[in-house]
Amino acid sequence: MDVVKKINKFTPYMLLAPAGIILLLALLYPIGYMVYASFLDWSPSQHIGQAEFIGLRNYINLWNDAAFFESFGVTLKFAFFVVVLEMIIGVGLALLLDREIRGMSVLRVIFILPMMIAPIVVGLMWRYMYHPTVGVFNRTLKEWGFESIPWLSDSGWAFYGVIIADVWQWTPFIFILALAAMQGLPRSALEAAELDGAGEWQKIVHIKLPLMLPVLIITLLLRLIDAFKVLEVVLIMTNGGPGLSTEILALRIFRTAQEFQELGYSAAMSNILLILLMLLTIAMFVYNKIQENRASKMCAMIEKG
């Protein structure tokens, strides 16, 4: 009987083992390949086995590369602005539409349409809308008697133009997840707040948002990771210009490998980005665990009260 119990205990792990091994290989092999490549002076004309091993030289060169740090700064600014704007607008829309409204299913479909469009198409679409003469924005400004705006030819306007395009495409992602989290809140907590005389604003601030916080943190983390990896939209709209004003790190890595033919150097940049995202993910998961515990305690207190 003991043998049978042991077999039954390990059977689920044995059944999952093949899929787990394949998943680990598919995940770890490319990462290991990239880490190894970062220690090489490797160009596309060479097989990786022919590349010269140069140790930490790529990382030392990165430390002295002003263009890398400028792209890194652009990435941080871009990620901060898009995530903050998307969270505010997405959660705000979810709070606004968390009620019985005729045609809500149609509204939801309309809201999620932008995130269904391929990033390359989004980049082309916004590039044409920002066109200095025939673009819809400048044409409208001229009709209203205003001066046209150099949307993609001025460094400041180009940065904000890329932000607007990303916010347009990905705010629906925040909206859908926030609305789902809101509709999954315990009705008992909201009803208890109503019995205590809480108004709509008080319910939002003291009940809805605190209970939604674990979901919102995961949503924020997903968008933050994705914001660090944006490539196609920026590549199509500005190609990192004017100058380096919109060259985010993912685009810098792409150009280093594709245009400058420095595969080892681009691998080193990719590793820096990977480490940053891993640290960010770990920190957010720890914080999320703390907030989940607080939310569960808060729910229990409300239901008891």
C-alpha atoms as a PDB file:
ATOM      1  CA  MET A   1       0.000   0.000   0.000  1.00  0.00           C
ATOM      2  CA  ASP A   2       2.866   2.363   0.788  1.00  0.00           C
ATOM      3  CA  VAL A   3       4.304   1.803  -2.673  1.00  0.00           C
ATOM      4  CA  VAL A   4       0.932   2.533  -4.296  1.00  0.00           C
ATOM      5  CA  LYS A   5       0.552   5.718  -2.250  1.00  0.00           C
ATOM      6  CA  LYS A   6       4.017   6.886  -3.295  1.00  0.00           C
ATOM      7  CA  ILE A   7       3.244   6.162  -6.955  1.00  0.00           C
ATOM      8  CA  ASN A   8      -0.066   8.044  -6.713  1.00  0.00           C
ATOM      9  CA  LYS A   9       1.740  10.941  -5.038  1.00  0.00           C
ATOM     10  CA  PHE A  10       4.312  11.289  -7.814  1.00  0.00           C
ATOM     11  CA  THR A  11       2.036  10.458 -10.759  1.00  0.00           C
ATOM     12  CA  PRO A  12       0.932  14.094 -11.415  1.00  0.00           C
ATOM     13  CA  TYR A  13       4.581  15.220 -11.453  1.00  0.00           C
ATOM     14  CA  MET A  14       5.542  12.410 -13.827  1.00  0.00           C
ATOM     15  CA  LEU A  15       2.729  13.356 -16.199  1.00  0.00           C
ATOM     16  CA  LEU A  16       3.737  17.033 -16.110  1.00  0.00           C
ATOM     17  CA  ALA A  17       7.477  16.328 -16.429  1.00  0.00           C
ATOM     18  CA  PRO A  18       7.681  16.074 -20.274  1.00  0.00           C
ATOM     19  CA  ALA A  19       5.848  19.377 -20.771  1.00  0.00           C
ATOM     20  CA  GLY A  20       7.924  20.987 -18.008  1.00  0.00           C
ATOM     21  CA  ILE A  21      11.216  19.830 -19.546  1.00  0.00           C
ATOM     22  CA  ILE A  22      10.214  21.117 -22.997  1.00  0.00           C
ATOM     23  CA  LEU A  23       9.131  24.435 -21.478  1.00  0.00           C
ATOM     24  CA  LEU A  24      12.392  24.807 -19.544  1.00  0.00           C
ATOM     25  CA  LEU A  25      14.474  24.025 -22.630  1.00  0.00           C
ATOM     26  CA  ALA A  26      12.452  26.448 -24.766  1.00  0.00           C
ATOM     27  CA  LEU A  27      12.898  29.132 -22.106  1.00  0.00           C
ATOM     28  CA  LEU A  28      16.423  28.572 -20.833  1.00  0.00           C
ATOM     29  CA  TYR A  29      18.224  27.714 -24.084  1.00  0.00           C
ATOM     30  CA  PRO A  30      17.590  31.101 -25.809  1.00  0.00           C
ATOM     31  CA  ILE A  31      18.443  32.977 -22.589  1.00  0.00           C
ATOM     32  CA  GLY A  32      21.644  30.972 -22.152  1.00  0.00           C
ATOM     33  CA  TYR A  33      22.502  31.542 -25.814  1.00  0.00           C
ATOM     34  CA  MET A  34      22.021  35.297 -25.363  1.00  0.00           C
ATOM     35  CA  VAL A  35      24.106  35.395 -22.162  1.00  0.00           C
ATOM     36  CA  TYR A  36      26.928  33.477 -23.865  1.00  0.00           C
ATOM     37  CA  ALA A  37      26.767  35.730 -26.946  1.00  0.00           C
ATOM     38  CA  SER A  38      27.199  38.823 -24.768  1.00  0.00           C
ATOM     39  CA  PHE A  39      30.778  37.709 -23.993  1.00  0.00           C
ATOM     40  CA  LEU A  40      31.707  37.475 -27.687  1.00  0.00           C
ATOM     41  CA  ASP A  41      32.762  39.839 -30.441  1.00  0.00           C
ATOM     42  CA  TRP A  42      30.216  38.361 -32.834  1.00  0.00           C
ATOM     43  CA  SER A  43      29.034  39.581 -36.233  1.00  0.00           C
ATOM     44  CA  PRO A  44      26.316  38.079 -38.509  1.00  0.00           C
ATOM     45  CA  SER A  45      28.979  36.891 -40.978  1.00  0.00           C
ATOM     46  CA  GLN A  46      30.359  34.476 -38.372  1.00  0.00           C
ATOM     47  CA  HIS A  47      29.096  31.279 -36.818  1.00  0.00           C
ATOM     48  CA  ILE A  48      28.852  31.751 -33.052  1.00  0.00           C
ATOM     49  CA  GLY A  49      31.641  29.205 -32.602  1.00  0.00           C
ATOM     50  CA  GLN A  50      33.973  31.382 -34.709  1.00  0.00           C
ATOM     51  CA  ALA A  51      33.376  34.553 -32.665  1.00  0.00           C
ATOM     52  CA  GLU A  52      36.183  35.829 -30.454  1.00  0.00           C
ATOM     53  CA  PHE A  53      35.645  35.534 -26.695  1.00  0.00           C
ATOM     54  CA  ILE A  54      36.194  38.997 -25.168  1.00  0.00           C
ATOM     55  CA  GLY A  55      34.902  38.508 -21.622  1.00  0.00           C
ATOM     56  CA  LEU A  56      33.228  41.551 -20.066  1.00  0.00           C
ATOM     57  CA  ARG A  57      34.351  44.020 -22.754  1.00  0.00           C
ATOM     58  CA  ASN A  58      30.827  44.472 -24.129  1.00  0.00           C
ATOM     59  CA  TYR A  59      29.537  45.359 -20.663  1.00  0.00           C
ATOM     60  CA  ILE A  60      32.452  47.720 -20.036  1.00  0.00           C
ATOM     61  CA  ASN A  61      31.758  49.432 -23.367  1.00  0.00           C
ATOM     62  CA  LEU A  62      28.078  49.733 -22.398  1.00  0.00           C
ATOM     63  CA  TRP A  63      29.069  51.521 -19.195  1.00  0.00           C
ATOM     64  CA  ASN A  64      30.914  54.129 -21.307  1.00  0.00           C
ATOM     65  CA  ASP A  65      28.269  54.339 -24.069  1.00  0.00           C
ATOM     66  CA  ALA A  66      26.432  57.673 -23.841  1.00  0.00           C
ATOM     67  CA  ALA A  67      23.942  56.639 -26.549  1.00  0.00           C
ATOM     68  CA  PHE A  68      22.956  53.547 -24.523  1.00  0.00           C
ATOM     69  CA  PHE A  69      22.269  55.624 -21.412  1.00  0.00           C
ATOM     70  CA  GLU A  70      20.312  58.158 -23.452  1.00  0.00           C
ATOM     71  CA  SER A  71      18.136  55.364 -24.880  1.00  0.00           C
ATOM     72  CA  PHE A  72      17.768  53.938 -21.383  1.00  0.00           C
ATOM     73  CA  GLY A  73      16.572  57.329 -20.114  1.00  0.00           C
ATOM     74  CA  VAL A  74      14.103  57.663 -23.010  1.00  0.00           C
ATOM     75  CA  THR A  75      12.788  54.172 -22.177  1.00  0.00           C
ATOM     76  CA  LEU A  76      12.239  55.045 -18.513  1.00  0.00           C
ATOM     77  CA  LYS A  77      10.410  58.264 -19.414  1.00  0.00           C
ATOM     78  CA  PHE A  78       8.312  56.549 -22.051  1.00  0.00           C
ATOM     79  CA  ALA A  79       7.344  53.655 -19.745  1.00  0.00           C
ATOM     80  CA  PHE A  80       6.470  56.020 -16.890  1.00  0.00           C
ATOM     81  CA  PHE A  81       4.235  58.306 -18.960  1.00  0.00           C
ATOM     82  CA  VAL A  82       2.394  55.605 -20.908  1.00  0.00           C
ATOM     83  CA  VAL A  83       1.734  53.381 -17.889  1.00  0.00           C
ATOM     84  CA  VAL A  84       0.550  56.240 -15.663  1.00  0.00           C
ATOM     85  CA  LEU A  85      -1.750  57.648 -18.363  1.00  0.00           C
ATOM     86  CA  GLU A  86      -3.106  54.228 -19.307  1.00  0.00           C
ATOM     87  CA  MET A  87      -3.787  53.289 -15.684  1.00  0.00           C
ATOM     88  CA  ILE A  88      -5.583  56.571 -14.966  1.00  0.00           C
ATOM     89  CA  ILE A  89      -7.699  56.509 -18.137  1.00  0.00           C
ATOM     90  CA  GLY A  90      -8.336  52.738 -18.082  1.00  0.00           C
ATOM     91  CA  VAL A  91      -9.367  52.556 -14.422  1.00  0.00           C
ATOM     92  CA  GLY A  92     -11.378  55.774 -14.798  1.00  0.00           C
ATOM     93  CA  LEU A  93     -13.325  54.330 -17.730  1.00  0.00           C
ATOM     94  CA  ALA A  94     -13.933  51.107 -15.790  1.00  0.00           C
ATOM     95  CA  LEU A  95     -15.311  53.054 -12.820  1.00  0.00           C
ATOM     96  CA  LEU A  96     -17.481  55.119 -15.147  1.00  0.00           C
ATOM     97  CA  LEU A  97     -18.918  52.134 -17.004  1.00  0.00           C
ATOM     98  CA  ASP A  98     -19.365  49.804 -14.036  1.00  0.00           C
ATOM     99  CA  ARG A  99     -23.154  50.085 -14.184  1.00  0.00           C
ATOM    100  CA  GLU A 100     -26.117  48.925 -16.183  1.00  0.00           C
ATOM    101  CA  ILE A 101     -25.915  50.820 -19.495  1.00  0.00           C
ATOM    102  CA  ARG A 102     -27.831  49.949 -22.642  1.00  0.00           C
ATOM    103  CA  GLY A 103     -25.461  48.712 -25.336  1.00  0.00           C
ATOM    104  CA  MET A 104     -22.605  47.994 -22.873  1.00  0.00           C
ATOM    105  CA  SER A 105     -21.514  44.904 -24.847  1.00  0.00           C
ATOM    106  CA  VAL A 106     -21.145  47.047 -27.996  1.00  0.00           C
ATOM    107  CA  LEU A 107     -19.150  49.667 -26.053  1.00  0.00           C
ATOM    108  CA  ARG A 108     -16.767  47.017 -24.743  1.00  0.00           C
ATOM    109  CA  VAL A 109     -16.102  45.702 -28.251  1.00  0.00           C
ATOM    110  CA  ILE A 110     -15.419  49.250 -29.485  1.00  0.00           C
ATOM    111  CA  PHE A 111     -13.056  49.923 -26.572  1.00  0.00           C
ATOM    112  CA  ILE A 112     -10.923  46.823 -27.194  1.00  0.00           C
ATOM    113  CA  LEU A 113     -10.622  47.294 -30.978  1.00  0.00           C
ATOM    114  CA  PRO A 114      -7.296  49.250 -30.817  1.00  0.00           C
ATOM    115  CA  MET A 115      -5.455  46.438 -29.039  1.00  0.00           C
ATOM    116  CA  MET A 116      -6.529  43.992 -31.763  1.00  0.00           C
ATOM    117  CA  ILE A 117      -4.659  45.945 -34.452  1.00  0.00           C
ATOM    118  CA  ALA A 118      -1.121  44.826 -35.342  1.00  0.00           C
ATOM    119  CA  PRO A 119       1.565  47.209 -33.970  1.00  0.00           C
ATOM    120  CA  ILE A 120       3.012  47.827 -37.467  1.00  0.00           C
ATOM    121  CA  VAL A 121      -0.419  48.920 -38.686  1.00  0.00           C
ATOM    122  CA  VAL A 122      -0.797  51.169 -35.639  1.00  0.00           C
ATOM    123  CA  GLY A 123       2.575  52.769 -36.379  1.00  0.00           C
ATOM    124  CA  LEU A 124       1.681  53.399 -40.047  1.00  0.00           C
ATOM    125  CA  MET A 125      -1.763  54.720 -39.162  1.00  0.00           C
ATOM    126  CA  TRP A 126      -0.471  57.240 -36.636  1.00  0.00           C
ATOM    127  CA  ARG A 127       2.431  58.214 -38.899  1.00  0.00           C
ATOM    128  CA  TYR A 128      -0.030  59.162 -41.635  1.00  0.00           C
ATOM    129  CA  MET A 129      -2.281  60.994 -39.164  1.00  0.00           C
ATOM    130  CA  TYR A 130       0.763  62.979 -37.966  1.00  0.00           C
ATOM    131  CA  HIS A 131       1.799  63.851 -41.549  1.00  0.00           C
ATOM    132  CA  PRO A 132       2.766  67.583 -41.685  1.00  0.00           C
ATOM    133  CA  THR A 133       0.527  68.468 -44.660  1.00  0.00           C
ATOM    134  CA  VAL A 134      -2.100  65.779 -45.309  1.00  0.00           C
ATOM    135  CA  GLY A 135      -2.375  64.337 -41.793  1.00  0.00           C
ATOM    136  CA  VAL A 136      -5.770  64.650 -40.126  1.00  0.00           C
ATOM    137  CA  PHE A 137      -4.416  66.525 -37.082  1.00  0.00           C
ATOM    138  CA  ASN A 138      -2.595  69.317 -38.931  1.00  0.00           C
ATOM    139  CA  ARG A 139      -5.367  69.594 -41.511  1.00  0.00           C
ATOM    140  CA  THR A 140      -7.896  70.078 -38.687  1.00  0.00           C
ATOM    141  CA  LEU A 141      -5.666  72.628 -36.958  1.00  0.00           C
ATOM    142  CA  LYS A 142      -5.374  74.658 -40.199  1.00  0.00           C
ATOM    143  CA  GLU A 143      -9.144  74.563 -40.701  1.00  0.00           C
ATOM    144  CA  TRP A 144      -9.582  75.962 -37.191  1.00  0.00           C
ATOM    145  CA  GLY A 145      -7.036  78.710 -37.867  1.00  0.00           C
ATOM    146  CA  PHE A 146      -4.104  77.321 -35.871  1.00  0.00           C
ATOM    147  CA  GLU A 147      -0.503  76.677 -36.908  1.00  0.00           C
ATOM    148  CA  SER A 148       0.416  73.114 -37.869  1.00  0.00           C
ATOM    149  CA  ILE A 149       2.479  71.092 -35.401  1.00  0.00           C
ATOM    150  CA  PRO A 150       5.722  69.258 -36.344  1.00  0.00           C
ATOM    151  CA  TRP A 151       4.477  66.023 -34.813  1.00  0.00           C
ATOM    152  CA  LEU A 152       7.328  63.757 -35.893  1.00  0.00           C
ATOM    153  CA  SER A 153      10.031  66.222 -36.979  1.00  0.00           C
ATOM    154  CA  ASP A 154      10.467  67.942 -33.602  1.00  0.00           C
ATOM    155  CA  SER A 155      12.124  65.964 -30.791  1.00  0.00           C
ATOM    156  CA  GLY A 156       9.646  67.037 -28.105  1.00  0.00           C
ATOM    157  CA  TRP A 157       6.501  66.561 -30.183  1.00  0.00           C
ATOM    158  CA  ALA A 158       7.735  63.230 -31.577  1.00  0.00           C
ATOM    159  CA  PHE A 159       8.147  61.816 -28.060  1.00  0.00           C
ATOM    160  CA  TYR A 160       4.629  62.883 -27.068  1.00  0.00           C
ATOM    161  CA  GLY A 161       3.279  61.629 -30.401  1.00  0.00           C
ATOM    162  CA  VAL A 162       4.612  58.134 -29.719  1.00  0.00           C
ATOM    163  CA  ILE A 163       3.139  58.241 -26.205  1.00  0.00           C
ATOM    164  CA  ILE A 164      -0.299  59.184 -27.576  1.00  0.00           C
ATOM    165  CA  ALA A 165      -0.213  56.263 -30.027  1.00  0.00           C
ATOM    166  CA  ASP A 166       0.716  53.772 -27.301  1.00  0.00           C
ATOM    167  CA  VAL A 167      -1.931  55.118 -24.899  1.00  0.00           C
ATOM    168  CA  TRP A 168      -4.563  54.846 -27.649  1.00  0.00           C
ATOM    169  CA  GLN A 169      -3.660  51.226 -28.349  1.00  0.00           C
ATOM    170  CA  TRP A 170      -3.194  49.848 -24.833  1.00  0.00           C
ATOM    171  CA  THR A 171      -5.590  51.750 -22.561  1.00  0.00           C
ATOM    172  CA  PRO A 172      -8.330  49.200 -23.495  1.00  0.00           C
ATOM    173  CA  PHE A 173      -6.155  46.458 -21.935  1.00  0.00           C
ATOM    174  CA  ILE A 174      -6.210  48.288 -18.590  1.00  0.00           C
ATOM    175  CA  PHE A 175      -9.923  49.034 -18.981  1.00  0.00           C
ATOM    176  CA  ILE A 176     -10.914  45.395 -19.578  1.00  0.00           C
ATOM    177  CA  LEU A 177      -8.893  44.016 -16.655  1.00  0.00           C
ATOM    178  CA  ALA A 178      -9.992  46.802 -14.282  1.00  0.00           C
ATOM    179  CA  LEU A 179     -13.650  46.299 -15.230  1.00  0.00           C
ATOM    180  CA  ALA A 180     -13.355  42.525 -14.712  1.00  0.00           C
ATOM    181  CA  ALA A 181     -11.737  43.089 -11.297  1.00  0.00           C
ATOM    182  CA  MET A 182     -14.456  45.563 -10.342  1.00  0.00           C
ATOM    183  CA  GLN A 183     -17.265  43.241 -11.298  1.00  0.00           C
ATOM    184  CA  GLY A 184     -15.634  40.474  -9.270  1.00  0.00           C
ATOM    185  CA  LEU A 185     -15.659  42.480  -6.029  1.00  0.00           C
ATOM    186  CA  PRO A 186     -17.675  40.949  -3.173  1.00  0.00           C
ATOM    187  CA  ARG A 187     -21.171  42.461  -3.217  1.00  0.00           C
ATOM    188  CA  SER A 188     -21.380  42.079   0.557  1.00  0.00           C
ATOM    189  CA  ALA A 189     -18.573  44.615   1.067  1.00  0.00           C
ATOM    190  CA  LEU A 190     -20.284  47.189  -1.162  1.00  0.00           C
ATOM    191  CA  GLU A 191     -23.678  46.576   0.440  1.00  0.00           C
ATOM    192  CA  ALA A 192     -22.181  46.970   3.931  1.00  0.00           C
ATOM    193  CA  ALA A 193     -20.645  50.284   2.863  1.00  0.00           C
ATOM    194  CA  GLU A 194     -24.015  51.468   1.523  1.00  0.00           C
ATOM    195  CA  LEU A 195     -25.730  50.555   4.798  1.00  0.00           C
ATOM    196  CA  ASP A 196     -23.121  52.632   6.627  1.00  0.00           C
ATOM    197  CA  GLY A 197     -24.117  55.619   4.456  1.00  0.00           C
ATOM    198  CA  ALA A 198     -21.050  55.664   2.151  1.00  0.00           C
ATOM    199  CA  GLY A 199     -21.463  57.702  -1.034  1.00  0.00           C
ATOM    200  CA  GLU A 200     -20.257  56.649  -4.482  1.00  0.00           C
ATOM    201  CA  TRP A 201     -16.921  58.446  -4.164  1.00  0.00           C
ATOM    202  CA  GLN A 202     -16.312  56.975  -0.691  1.00  0.00           C
ATOM    203  CA  LYS A 203     -17.038  53.477  -2.004  1.00  0.00           C
ATOM    204  CA  ILE A 204     -14.539  54.002  -4.829  1.00  0.00           C
ATOM    205  CA  VAL A 205     -11.754  55.330  -2.589  1.00  0.00           C
ATOM    206  CA  HIS A 206     -12.239  53.112   0.477  1.00  0.00           C
ATOM    207  CA  ILE A 207     -13.741  49.895  -0.935  1.00  0.00           C
ATOM    208  CA  LYS A 208     -13.354  49.392  -4.687  1.00  0.00           C
ATOM    209  CA  LEU A 209      -9.793  50.599  -5.298  1.00  0.00           C
ATOM    210  CA  PRO A 210      -8.231  48.907  -2.203  1.00  0.00           C
ATOM    211  CA  LEU A 211      -9.904  45.579  -3.057  1.00  0.00           C
ATOM    212  CA  MET A 212      -8.927  45.908  -6.739  1.00  0.00           C
ATOM    213  CA  LEU A 213      -5.315  46.755  -5.906  1.00  0.00           C
ATOM    214  CA  PRO A 214      -3.845  43.216  -6.324  1.00  0.00           C
ATOM    215  CA  VAL A 215      -5.329  42.951  -9.842  1.00  0.00           C
ATOM    216  CA  LEU A 216      -4.285  46.517 -10.685  1.00  0.00           C
ATOM    217  CA  ILE A 217      -0.705  45.800  -9.592  1.00  0.00           C
ATOM    218  CA  ILE A 218      -0.487  42.744 -11.877  1.00  0.00           C
ATOM    219  CA  THR A 219      -2.036  44.798 -14.698  1.00  0.00           C
ATOM    220  CA  LEU A 220       0.478  47.597 -14.121  1.00  0.00           C
ATOM    221  CA  LEU A 221       3.348  45.086 -14.125  1.00  0.00           C
ATOM    222  CA  LEU A 222       2.223  43.556 -17.427  1.00  0.00           C
ATOM    223  CA  ARG A 223       1.975  46.949 -19.083  1.00  0.00           C
ATOM    224  CA  LEU A 224       5.277  48.110 -17.613  1.00  0.00           C
ATOM    225  CA  ILE A 225       7.104  45.064 -18.969  1.00  0.00           C
ATOM    226  CA  ASP A 226       5.469  45.529 -22.364  1.00  0.00           C
ATOM    227  CA  ALA A 227       6.303  49.268 -22.401  1.00  0.00           C
ATOM    228  CA  PHE A 228       9.991  48.424 -22.006  1.00  0.00           C
ATOM    229  CA  LYS A 229       9.773  46.150 -25.071  1.00  0.00           C
ATOM    230  CA  VAL A 230       7.843  48.386 -27.484  1.00  0.00           C
ATOM    231  CA  LEU A 231       9.533  48.293 -30.886  1.00  0.00           C
ATOM    232  CA  GLU A 232       7.339  48.185 -33.989  1.00  0.00           C
ATOM    233  CA  VAL A 233       5.269  51.330 -33.383  1.00  0.00           C
ATOM    234  CA  VAL A 234       8.325  53.491 -32.627  1.00  0.00           C
ATOM    235  CA  LEU A 235      10.311  51.940 -35.492  1.00  0.00           C
ATOM    236  CA  ILE A 236       7.582  52.726 -38.032  1.00  0.00           C
ATOM    237  CA  MET A 237       6.654  56.161 -36.694  1.00  0.00           C
ATOM    238  CA  THR A 238      10.043  57.759 -36.005  1.00  0.00           C
ATOM    239  CA  ASN A 239      12.818  55.123 -36.255  1.00  0.00           C
ATOM    240  CA  GLY A 240      14.111  56.613 -33.000  1.00  0.00           C
ATOM    241  CA  GLY A 241      14.368  60.181 -34.295  1.00  0.00           C
ATOM    242  CA  PRO A 242      14.678  63.065 -34.470  1.00  0.00           C
ATOM    243  CA  GLY A 243      18.160  62.364 -33.140  1.00  0.00           C
ATOM    244  CA  LEU A 244      17.742  59.890 -30.298  1.00  0.00           C
ATOM    245  CA  SER A 245      14.641  61.547 -28.823  1.00  0.00           C
ATOM    246  CA  THR A 246      12.385  58.496 -29.320  1.00  0.00           C
ATOM    247  CA  GLU A 247      14.990  55.731 -29.456  1.00  0.00           C
ATOM    248  CA  ILE A 248      13.857  53.402 -26.703  1.00  0.00           C
ATOM    249  CA  LEU A 249      16.112  50.567 -25.568  1.00  0.00           C
ATOM    250  CA  ALA A 250      14.394  47.835 -27.605  1.00  0.00           C
ATOM    251  CA  LEU A 251      14.943  49.896 -30.757  1.00  0.00           C
ATOM    252  CA  ARG A 252      18.574  50.543 -29.760  1.00  0.00           C
ATOM    253  CA  ILE A 253      19.120  46.790 -29.395  1.00  0.00           C
ATOM    254  CA  PHE A 254      17.470  46.124 -32.760  1.00  0.00           C
ATOM    255  CA  ARG A 255      19.553  48.767 -34.556  1.00  0.00           C
ATOM    256  CA  THR A 256      22.787  47.585 -32.932  1.00  0.00           C
ATOM    257  CA  ALA A 257      22.190  44.053 -34.225  1.00  0.00           C
ATOM    258  CA  GLN A 258      20.618  44.912 -37.594  1.00  0.00           C
ATOM    259  CA  GLU A 259      22.396  48.083 -38.724  1.00  0.00           C
ATOM    260  CA  PHE A 260      25.689  48.053 -36.796  1.00  0.00           C
ATOM    261  CA  GLN A 261      26.097  44.241 -37.073  1.00  0.00           C
ATOM    262  CA  GLU A 262      27.243  43.924 -33.432  1.00  0.00           C
ATOM    263  CA  LEU A 263      25.394  40.853 -32.160  1.00  0.00           C
ATOM    264  CA  GLY A 264      27.462  40.413 -28.993  1.00  0.00           C
ATOM    265  CA  TYR A 265      26.998  44.049 -28.004  1.00  0.00           C
ATOM    266  CA  SER A 266      23.233  43.897 -28.624  1.00  0.00           C
ATOM    267  CA  ALA A 267      23.073  40.686 -26.541  1.00  0.00           C
ATOM    268  CA  ALA A 268      24.751  42.521 -23.649  1.00  0.00           C
ATOM    269  CA  MET A 269      22.119  45.281 -23.875  1.00  0.00           C
ATOM    270  CA  SER A 270      19.369  42.656 -23.960  1.00  0.00           C
ATOM    271  CA  ASN A 271      20.756  41.086 -20.777  1.00  0.00           C
ATOM    272  CA  ILE A 272      20.718  44.439 -18.988  1.00  0.00           C
ATOM    273  CA  LEU A 273      17.076  44.901 -20.006  1.00  0.00           C
ATOM    274  CA  LEU A 274      16.241  41.341 -18.903  1.00  0.00           C
ATOM    275  CA  ILE A 275      17.820  41.855 -15.460  1.00  0.00           C
ATOM    276  CA  LEU A 276      15.956  45.139 -15.016  1.00  0.00           C
ATOM    277  CA  LEU A 277      12.610  43.517 -15.877  1.00  0.00           C
ATOM    278  CA  MET A 278      13.307  40.532 -13.597  1.00  0.00           C
ATOM    279  CA  LEU A 279      14.064  42.809 -10.630  1.00  0.00           C
ATOM    280  CA  LEU A 280      10.968  44.858 -11.391  1.00  0.00           C
ATOM    281  CA  THR A 281       8.820  41.715 -11.612  1.00  0.00           C
ATOM    282  CA  ILE A 282      10.106  40.306  -8.310  1.00  0.00           C
ATOM    283  CA  ALA A 283       9.513  43.632  -6.526  1.00  0.00           C
ATOM    284  CA  MET A 284       5.981  43.931  -7.912  1.00  0.00           C
ATOM    285  CA  PHE A 285       5.088  40.339  -6.976  1.00  0.00           C
ATOM    286  CA  VAL A 286       6.290  40.866  -3.403  1.00  0.00           C
ATOM    287  CA  TYR A 287       4.292  44.087  -3.140  1.00  0.00           C
ATOM    288  CA  ASN A 288       1.271  42.366  -4.711  1.00  0.00           C
ATOM    289  CA  LYS A 289       1.419  39.574  -2.104  1.00  0.00           C
ATOM    290  CA  ILE A 290       1.379  42.161   0.671  1.00  0.00           C
ATOM    291  CA  GLN A 291      -1.626  43.927  -0.894  1.00  0.00           C
ATOM    292  CA  GLU A 292      -3.498  40.630  -1.366  1.00  0.00           C
ATOM    293  CA  ASN A 293      -3.145  39.873   2.339  1.00  0.00           C
ATOM    294  CA  ARG A 294      -4.380  43.371   3.232  1.00  0.00           C
ATOM    295  CA  ALA A 295      -7.341  43.054   0.844  1.00  0.00           C
ATOM    296  CA  SER A 296      -8.392  39.681   2.292  1.00  0.00           C
ATOM    297  CA  LYS A 297      -8.163  41.043   5.857  1.00  0.00           C
ATOM    298  CA  MET A 298     -10.156  44.105   4.836  1.00  0.00           C
ATOM    299  CA  CYS A 299     -12.877  41.917   3.265  1.00  0.00           C
ATOM    300  CA  ALA A 300     -13.109  39.791   6.390  1.00  0.00           C
ATOM    301  CA  MET A 301     -13.401  42.884   8.619  1.00  0.00           C
ATOM    302  CA  ILE A 302     -16.149  44.414   6.445  1.00  0.00           C
ATOM    303  CA  GLU A 303     -18.169  41.186   6.385  1.00  0.00           C
ATOM    304  CA  LYS A 304     -17.865  40.761  10.159  1.00  0.00           C
ATOM    305  CA  GLY A 305     -18.777  44.409  10.781  1.00  0.00           C
END
